[in-house]
Protein backbone atom coordinates (compact mmCIF):
# COMPACT_ATOMS: atom_id res chain seq x y z
CA MET A 1 -3.88 -36.73 -13.03
CA SER A 2 -1.11 -39.18 -13.48
CA THR A 3 -0.71 -42.27 -11.33
CA THR A 4 2.69 -43.84 -10.73
CA PRO A 5 3.73 -47.03 -12.54
CA GLU A 6 3.94 -48.74 -9.13
CA HIS A 7 0.36 -47.70 -8.33
CA ASP A 8 -0.86 -49.03 -11.69
CA GLN A 9 1.04 -52.33 -11.25
CA LYS A 10 -0.56 -52.78 -7.85
CA PHE A 11 -4.00 -52.71 -9.50
CA ALA A 12 -2.95 -55.03 -12.30
CA LYS A 13 -1.74 -57.71 -9.88
CA MET A 14 -4.49 -57.41 -7.25
CA THR A 15 -7.13 -60.14 -7.48
CA PHE A 16 -10.83 -59.44 -7.72
CA ALA A 17 -11.34 -62.20 -5.12
CA SER A 18 -9.25 -60.27 -2.58
CA VAL A 19 -11.28 -57.06 -2.98
CA TYR A 20 -14.78 -58.52 -3.41
CA PRO A 21 -15.30 -59.36 0.33
CA HIS A 22 -14.46 -55.73 1.17
CA TYR A 23 -17.09 -54.54 -1.29
CA VAL A 24 -19.66 -56.86 0.34
CA THR A 25 -18.78 -55.66 3.84
CA LYS A 26 -18.91 -52.03 2.80
CA VAL A 27 -22.35 -52.18 1.19
CA GLU A 28 -23.93 -54.46 3.81
CA LYS A 29 -22.65 -52.28 6.65
CA LYS A 30 -24.53 -49.38 5.06
CA GLY A 31 -27.77 -51.34 4.62
CA ARG A 32 -27.43 -52.27 0.97
CA THR A 33 -27.57 -55.83 -0.38
CA VAL A 34 -25.18 -58.20 -2.11
CA GLN A 35 -27.75 -58.41 -4.92
CA GLU A 36 -27.42 -54.65 -5.45
CA LEU A 37 -23.63 -55.01 -5.47
CA HIS A 38 -23.91 -57.75 -8.12
CA GLN A 39 -26.22 -55.51 -10.15
CA VAL A 40 -23.66 -52.67 -10.05
CA ILE A 41 -20.79 -54.99 -11.04
CA GLU A 42 -22.86 -56.46 -13.86
CA TRP A 43 -23.81 -53.01 -15.14
CA LEU A 44 -20.17 -51.94 -15.32
CA THR A 45 -18.58 -55.18 -16.58
CA GLY A 46 -21.32 -57.25 -18.21
CA PHE A 47 -20.55 -60.14 -15.81
CA ASP A 48 -23.64 -61.85 -14.40
CA VAL A 49 -23.57 -63.35 -10.90
CA ALA A 50 -22.36 -66.75 -12.13
CA LYS A 51 -19.48 -65.17 -14.07
CA GLN A 52 -18.57 -62.97 -11.10
CA GLN A 53 -18.36 -66.07 -8.90
CA GLU A 54 -16.31 -67.91 -11.52
CA LEU A 55 -13.80 -65.03 -11.63
CA ILE A 56 -13.63 -65.01 -7.83
CA ASP A 57 -13.04 -68.78 -7.78
CA GLN A 58 -10.32 -68.44 -10.42
CA LYS A 59 -8.67 -65.65 -8.43
CA VAL A 60 -8.21 -63.55 -11.57
CA THR A 61 -6.20 -60.35 -11.36
CA PHE A 62 -7.88 -57.02 -12.03
CA GLU A 63 -5.91 -56.95 -15.26
CA SER A 64 -7.55 -60.19 -16.41
CA PHE A 65 -10.91 -59.21 -14.90
CA PHE A 66 -11.12 -56.01 -16.96
CA GLU A 67 -9.63 -57.63 -20.09
CA GLN A 68 -12.62 -60.01 -20.05
CA ALA A 69 -15.15 -57.30 -19.20
CA THR A 70 -17.32 -55.43 -21.66
CA LEU A 71 -17.46 -52.01 -20.07
CA HIS A 72 -20.85 -50.30 -20.14
CA PRO A 73 -21.01 -47.56 -22.79
CA ASN A 74 -21.94 -45.03 -20.09
CA ALA A 75 -18.99 -45.91 -17.84
CA ASN A 76 -17.29 -42.68 -18.91
CA LEU A 77 -20.08 -40.82 -17.06
CA ILE A 78 -18.58 -42.05 -13.77
CA THR A 79 -16.74 -39.02 -12.45
CA GLY A 80 -15.59 -37.55 -9.18
CA MET A 81 -13.00 -38.23 -6.54
CA ILE A 82 -12.02 -41.66 -5.25
CA CYS A 83 -9.05 -42.27 -2.95
CA GLY A 84 -7.61 -38.84 -3.74
CA TYR A 85 -7.80 -39.24 -7.51
CA ARG A 86 -10.20 -37.51 -9.89
CA ILE A 87 -11.46 -40.42 -11.99
CA GLU A 88 -11.83 -38.51 -15.23
CA GLU A 89 -8.15 -37.46 -15.03
CA ILE A 90 -6.69 -40.96 -14.51
CA GLU A 91 -4.66 -41.77 -17.62
CA THR A 92 -3.98 -45.50 -17.20
CA PRO A 93 -6.99 -47.43 -18.58
CA LEU A 94 -6.83 -50.34 -16.11
CA THR A 95 -6.52 -48.07 -13.09
CA LYS A 96 -9.40 -45.95 -14.38
CA LYS A 97 -11.63 -49.03 -14.76
CA ALA A 98 -10.77 -50.25 -11.26
CA ARG A 99 -11.58 -46.80 -9.88
CA TYR A 100 -14.90 -46.82 -11.78
CA LEU A 101 -15.80 -49.96 -9.85
CA ASP A 102 -14.64 -48.45 -6.55
CA LYS A 103 -16.71 -45.32 -7.18
CA LEU A 104 -19.86 -47.32 -7.96
CA VAL A 105 -19.44 -49.36 -4.78
CA ASP A 106 -18.94 -46.12 -2.81
CA GLU A 107 -22.09 -44.62 -4.29
CA LEU A 108 -24.04 -47.76 -3.45
CA ALA A 109 -22.76 -47.69 0.14
CA LYS A 110 -23.63 -44.00 0.45
CA GLY A 111 -27.26 -44.74 -0.36
CA LYS A 112 -27.51 -43.30 -3.86
CA LYS A 113 -30.49 -44.49 -5.90
CA MET A 114 -29.71 -47.29 -8.35
CA GLU A 115 -30.90 -45.17 -11.32
CA LYS A 116 -28.22 -42.60 -10.52
CA ILE A 117 -25.50 -45.19 -9.83
CA LEU A 118 -26.23 -46.99 -13.11
CA ARG A 119 -26.20 -43.71 -15.06
CA SER A 120 -29.54 -44.47 -16.69
């Protein structure tokens, strides 16, 4: 599935700091913890809590966020639908990575077990 250039640019310019509070709200509303959210983000990106906070403080764009990240080798196992897009069919690498993160946060909020979310 192809995304539009405008859609992809939107992700590139969006800051991690602007989306992070929405992730926190989403998982806490469903009874999960910020620590679990941090664990999911660290699994996908390699960023520990201190680095996550540093990137929030710096207001880095998703483009910069994922340029600095070391994606988990099993990230390609993240599949399914998110916001009307089938993740495995997204062609733009940055958009795909951002949707990986969205999918993991969704799975956390839906109560999936951490072993399944972290593809272990």
